[in-house]
Amino acid sequence: MQKTNTLWLILKWIFPVLFNILFFASGGTEHKASVWISYAFIHFAYVMLVFTPHLIRDGKSWEVFAYSIYAISAVYFLVEFFTGLTFILTAPESYTAALSVQLGLAAVYGVMLVSYMLANEKTAQAEEERSYEIACIKNTSAQVKGLLEQVQDKEARRAVERAYDTLYTSPVKSHPDLAHLEERIMQCVNALEGVVSAGDRQGIVESANFLLSAVNERNRKLKTLF
């Protein structure tokens, strides 16, 4: 890992080192304002390209996020490099054109970068919400299935089976308005776990019926929201 990090660090420094060697070897340190402006913008574009990994949102679609953000930063760097290089080689007396053009490029880059980051953030949040929705039903149904295997009494087992079947086949889609009902479902599952552990047949039946009622209420409410 340390060797890999070192190699990446060397790779990142190749461009700025070579660029600065050629820049100062060919032109010294005396340059016009337009040249120094271009020099600064080229370095800014490169720094943003190197810093891009820190701007990528974590999530299941990380590769998609990375591709879009990297593409924007890479295109900006290439455009800025050739634009800045043109101003460096021509070295115009006035710095106005160099500043205006490169500020414009930076502004376009900034707008595109932020727009894509916002879009990626929205996508990542939707993925997290979807993961929560799926986990809510899957986790509770798996928990009830585990409890079902511990119930031996026929009547109690039938009650738990009814609750499990309804829970297992429930839509995974959720909504903020269902939060209190889903919390109630989890409380019912925890209560069922307690009475199963205690071997309380009547308590198992009652808890399973409470769970079934909560799941049905949640599903009815869900239908009214979508």
Protein backbone atom coordinates (compact mmCIF):
# COMPACT_ATOMS: atom_id res chain seq x y z
CA MET A 1 0.00 0.00 0.00
CA GLN A 2 2.78 2.44 0.92
CA LYS A 3 4.62 1.65 -2.31
CA THR A 4 1.44 2.24 -4.33
CA ASN A 5 0.85 5.60 -2.63
CA THR A 6 4.44 6.60 -3.34
CA LEU A 7 4.09 5.71 -7.02
CA TRP A 8 0.87 7.69 -7.30
CA LEU A 9 2.56 10.66 -5.63
CA ILE A 10 5.44 10.49 -8.12
CA LEU A 11 2.97 10.28 -11.00
CA LYS A 12 1.11 13.37 -9.76
CA TRP A 13 4.33 15.39 -9.55
CA ILE A 14 5.62 14.53 -13.04
CA PHE A 15 3.61 17.17 -14.88
CA PRO A 16 4.21 20.18 -12.58
CA VAL A 17 7.92 19.39 -12.26
CA LEU A 18 8.48 19.01 -16.02
CA PHE A 19 6.29 22.01 -16.82
CA ASN A 20 8.13 24.28 -14.40
CA ILE A 21 11.55 23.10 -15.58
CA LEU A 22 10.64 23.89 -19.20
CA PHE A 23 8.90 27.14 -18.27
CA PHE A 24 11.77 28.64 -16.31
CA ALA A 25 14.54 27.10 -18.44
CA SER A 26 13.14 28.59 -21.63
CA GLY A 27 11.97 31.94 -20.35
CA GLY A 28 13.61 32.64 -17.00
CA THR A 29 11.73 34.45 -14.29
CA GLU A 30 10.93 37.69 -16.11
CA HIS A 31 7.53 37.41 -17.73
CA LYS A 32 4.58 39.60 -18.60
CA ALA A 33 1.42 39.60 -16.52
CA SER A 34 -0.47 37.65 -19.21
CA VAL A 35 2.11 34.86 -18.96
CA TRP A 36 1.99 34.66 -15.17
CA ILE A 37 -1.82 34.60 -15.27
CA SER A 38 -1.73 31.69 -17.71
CA TYR A 39 0.92 29.96 -15.60
CA ALA A 40 -1.32 30.22 -12.53
CA PHE A 41 -4.47 29.01 -14.29
CA ILE A 42 -2.68 25.98 -15.74
CA HIS A 43 -1.54 25.01 -12.25
CA PHE A 44 -5.02 25.62 -10.86
CA ALA A 45 -6.54 23.31 -13.50
CA TYR A 46 -4.00 20.61 -12.68
CA VAL A 47 -4.57 20.91 -8.93
CA MET A 48 -8.32 20.50 -9.51
CA LEU A 49 -7.69 17.40 -11.63
CA VAL A 50 -5.55 15.85 -8.89
CA PHE A 51 -8.03 16.88 -6.19
CA THR A 52 -11.00 15.40 -8.09
CA PRO A 53 -11.09 12.06 -6.16
CA HIS A 54 -11.94 14.00 -3.01
CA LEU A 55 -14.99 15.49 -4.73
CA ILE A 56 -16.55 12.16 -5.68
CA ARG A 57 -19.57 11.09 -3.66
CA ASP A 58 -19.45 7.61 -2.13
CA GLY A 59 -22.25 5.29 -3.13
CA LYS A 60 -23.20 2.26 -5.16
CA SER A 61 -22.75 4.31 -8.35
CA TRP A 62 -19.28 5.51 -7.35
CA GLU A 63 -17.80 4.55 -10.72
CA VAL A 64 -20.45 6.56 -12.56
CA PHE A 65 -19.88 9.54 -10.25
CA ALA A 66 -16.11 9.24 -10.73
CA TYR A 67 -16.34 9.07 -14.52
CA SER A 68 -18.49 12.20 -14.84
CA ILE A 69 -16.43 14.30 -12.40
CA TYR A 70 -13.10 13.11 -13.79
CA ALA A 71 -14.25 13.80 -17.34
CA ILE A 72 -15.14 17.39 -16.49
CA SER A 73 -11.86 18.02 -14.67
CA ALA A 74 -9.80 16.33 -17.40
CA VAL A 75 -11.45 18.30 -20.21
CA TYR A 76 -11.02 21.54 -18.30
CA PHE A 77 -7.34 20.80 -17.67
CA LEU A 78 -6.64 20.02 -21.34
CA VAL A 79 -8.52 23.07 -22.61
CA GLU A 80 -6.88 25.31 -20.02
CA PHE A 81 -3.44 23.85 -20.71
CA PHE A 82 -3.55 24.58 -24.44
CA THR A 83 -5.24 27.95 -23.90
CA GLY A 84 -2.72 28.97 -21.26
CA LEU A 85 0.16 27.66 -23.34
CA THR A 86 -1.01 29.79 -26.26
CA PHE A 87 -0.92 32.92 -24.11
CA ILE A 88 2.48 31.93 -22.68
CA LEU A 89 3.99 31.50 -26.15
CA THR A 90 2.43 34.67 -27.60
CA ALA A 91 2.93 36.70 -24.39
CA PRO A 92 0.55 39.57 -25.21
CA GLU A 93 1.33 42.97 -23.69
CA SER A 94 -2.13 43.32 -22.19
CA TYR A 95 -3.25 40.79 -19.62
CA THR A 96 -6.95 41.50 -20.18
CA ALA A 97 -7.54 38.83 -22.81
CA ALA A 98 -5.61 36.16 -20.90
CA LEU A 99 -7.46 36.91 -17.69
CA SER A 100 -10.91 37.16 -19.28
CA VAL A 101 -10.63 33.98 -21.35
CA GLN A 102 -9.24 31.87 -18.53
CA LEU A 103 -11.63 33.24 -15.95
CA GLY A 104 -14.42 32.32 -18.34
CA LEU A 105 -13.10 28.78 -18.69
CA ALA A 106 -12.78 28.46 -14.92
CA ALA A 107 -16.33 29.73 -14.46
CA VAL A 108 -17.75 27.24 -16.97
CA TYR A 109 -15.79 24.47 -15.28
CA GLY A 110 -17.04 25.53 -11.86
CA VAL A 111 -20.68 25.59 -12.95
CA MET A 112 -20.44 22.18 -14.63
CA LEU A 113 -18.55 20.64 -11.71
CA VAL A 114 -21.01 21.86 -9.08
CA SER A 115 -23.99 20.87 -11.24
CA TYR A 116 -22.71 17.32 -11.63
CA MET A 117 -21.81 17.10 -7.94
CA LEU A 118 -25.35 18.14 -7.00
CA ALA A 119 -26.80 15.59 -9.41
CA ASN A 120 -24.53 12.88 -8.00
CA GLU A 121 -25.51 13.84 -4.46
CA LYS A 122 -29.18 13.51 -5.34
CA THR A 123 -28.58 10.11 -6.94
CA ALA A 124 -26.58 8.91 -3.93
CA GLN A 125 -29.30 10.03 -1.53
CA ALA A 126 -31.92 8.21 -3.60
CA GLU A 127 -29.76 5.07 -3.45
CA GLU A 128 -29.44 5.36 0.33
CA GLU A 129 -33.20 5.80 0.69
CA ARG A 130 -33.79 2.79 -1.54
CA SER A 131 -31.34 0.72 0.53
CA TYR A 132 -33.17 1.73 3.71
CA GLU A 133 -36.53 0.85 2.16
CA ILE A 134 -35.35 -2.61 1.15
CA ALA A 135 -33.55 -3.22 4.44
CA CYS A 136 -36.58 -2.28 6.54
CA ILE A 137 -38.76 -5.07 5.14
CA LYS A 138 -35.98 -7.58 4.49
CA ASN A 139 -34.44 -7.30 7.94
CA THR A 140 -37.69 -7.52 9.87
CA SER A 141 -39.03 -10.41 7.76
CA ALA A 142 -35.74 -12.28 8.20
CA GLN A 143 -35.95 -11.69 11.94
CA VAL A 144 -39.53 -13.03 12.07
CA LYS A 145 -38.56 -16.05 9.95
CA GLY A 146 -35.86 -16.87 12.49
CA LEU A 147 -38.40 -16.64 15.30
CA LEU A 148 -40.87 -18.81 13.38
CA GLU A 149 -38.41 -21.66 13.37
CA GLN A 150 -38.36 -21.56 17.19
CA VAL A 151 -42.14 -21.79 17.63
CA GLN A 152 -43.46 -25.35 18.17
CA ASP A 153 -47.08 -24.76 19.23
CA LYS A 154 -49.36 -25.08 16.17
CA GLU A 155 -51.70 -22.17 16.96
CA ALA A 156 -48.84 -19.86 17.80
CA ARG A 157 -46.93 -20.98 14.73
CA ARG A 158 -49.91 -20.22 12.44
CA ALA A 159 -50.18 -16.74 13.90
CA VAL A 160 -46.49 -16.06 13.34
CA GLU A 161 -46.69 -17.53 9.80
CA ARG A 162 -49.55 -15.15 8.91
CA ALA A 163 -47.54 -12.18 10.13
CA TYR A 164 -44.40 -13.40 8.36
CA ASP A 165 -46.15 -14.01 5.03
CA THR A 166 -47.74 -10.58 5.07
CA LEU A 167 -44.49 -8.90 6.06
CA TYR A 168 -42.41 -10.85 3.52
CA THR A 169 -44.73 -9.94 0.63
CA SER A 170 -45.06 -6.29 1.65
CA PRO A 171 -43.79 -3.63 -0.81
CA VAL A 172 -40.25 -2.53 0.03
CA LYS A 173 -40.98 1.02 -1.08
CA SER A 174 -41.30 3.41 1.82
CA HIS A 175 -42.18 7.02 2.60
CA PRO A 176 -41.30 9.47 5.42
CA ASP A 177 -44.96 9.40 6.52
CA LEU A 178 -44.59 5.69 7.26
CA ALA A 179 -41.71 6.12 9.69
CA HIS A 180 -43.88 5.81 12.81
CA LEU A 181 -45.61 2.70 11.45
CA GLU A 182 -42.33 1.05 10.48
CA GLU A 183 -40.97 1.85 13.94
CA ARG A 184 -44.07 0.22 15.39
CA ILE A 185 -43.46 -2.87 13.23
CA MET A 186 -39.92 -3.17 14.56
CA GLN A 187 -41.22 -2.78 18.12
CA CYS A 188 -43.74 -5.56 17.50
CA VAL A 189 -40.98 -7.82 16.15
CA ASN A 190 -38.87 -7.13 19.23
CA ALA A 191 -41.86 -7.90 21.45
CA LEU A 192 -42.46 -11.12 19.54
CA GLU A 193 -38.83 -12.06 20.03
CA GLY A 194 -39.25 -11.62 23.77
CA VAL A 195 -42.31 -13.86 24.13
CA VAL A 196 -40.80 -16.51 21.81
CA SER A 197 -37.71 -16.62 24.01
CA ALA A 198 -39.94 -16.96 27.08
CA GLY A 199 -42.03 -19.72 25.44
CA ASP A 200 -45.24 -17.77 26.14
CA ARG A 201 -47.76 -19.34 23.71
CA GLN A 202 -50.53 -16.80 24.33
CA GLY A 203 -48.04 -13.96 24.20
CA ILE A 204 -46.72 -15.23 20.86
CA VAL A 205 -50.23 -15.28 19.38
CA GLU A 206 -51.02 -11.79 20.63
CA SER A 207 -47.67 -10.34 19.55
CA ALA A 208 -47.97 -11.95 16.10
CA ASN A 209 -51.46 -10.50 15.69
CA PHE A 210 -50.23 -7.05 16.74
CA LEU A 211 -47.43 -7.37 14.18
CA LEU A 212 -49.87 -8.45 11.46
CA SER A 213 -52.11 -5.49 12.25
CA ALA A 214 -49.18 -3.06 12.12
CA VAL A 215 -47.95 -4.45 8.78
CA ASN A 216 -51.42 -4.27 7.24
CA GLU A 217 -51.86 -0.70 8.45
CA ARG A 218 -48.49 0.23 7.00
CA ASN A 219 -49.38 -1.33 3.63
CA ARG A 220 -52.76 0.39 3.52
CA LYS A 221 -51.16 3.74 4.26
CA LEU A 222 -48.55 3.10 1.58
CA LYS A 223 -51.24 2.66 -1.08
CA THR A 224 -52.67 6.09 -0.29
CA LEU A 225 -49.26 7.75 -0.69
CA PHE A 226 -48.43 6.46 -4.18
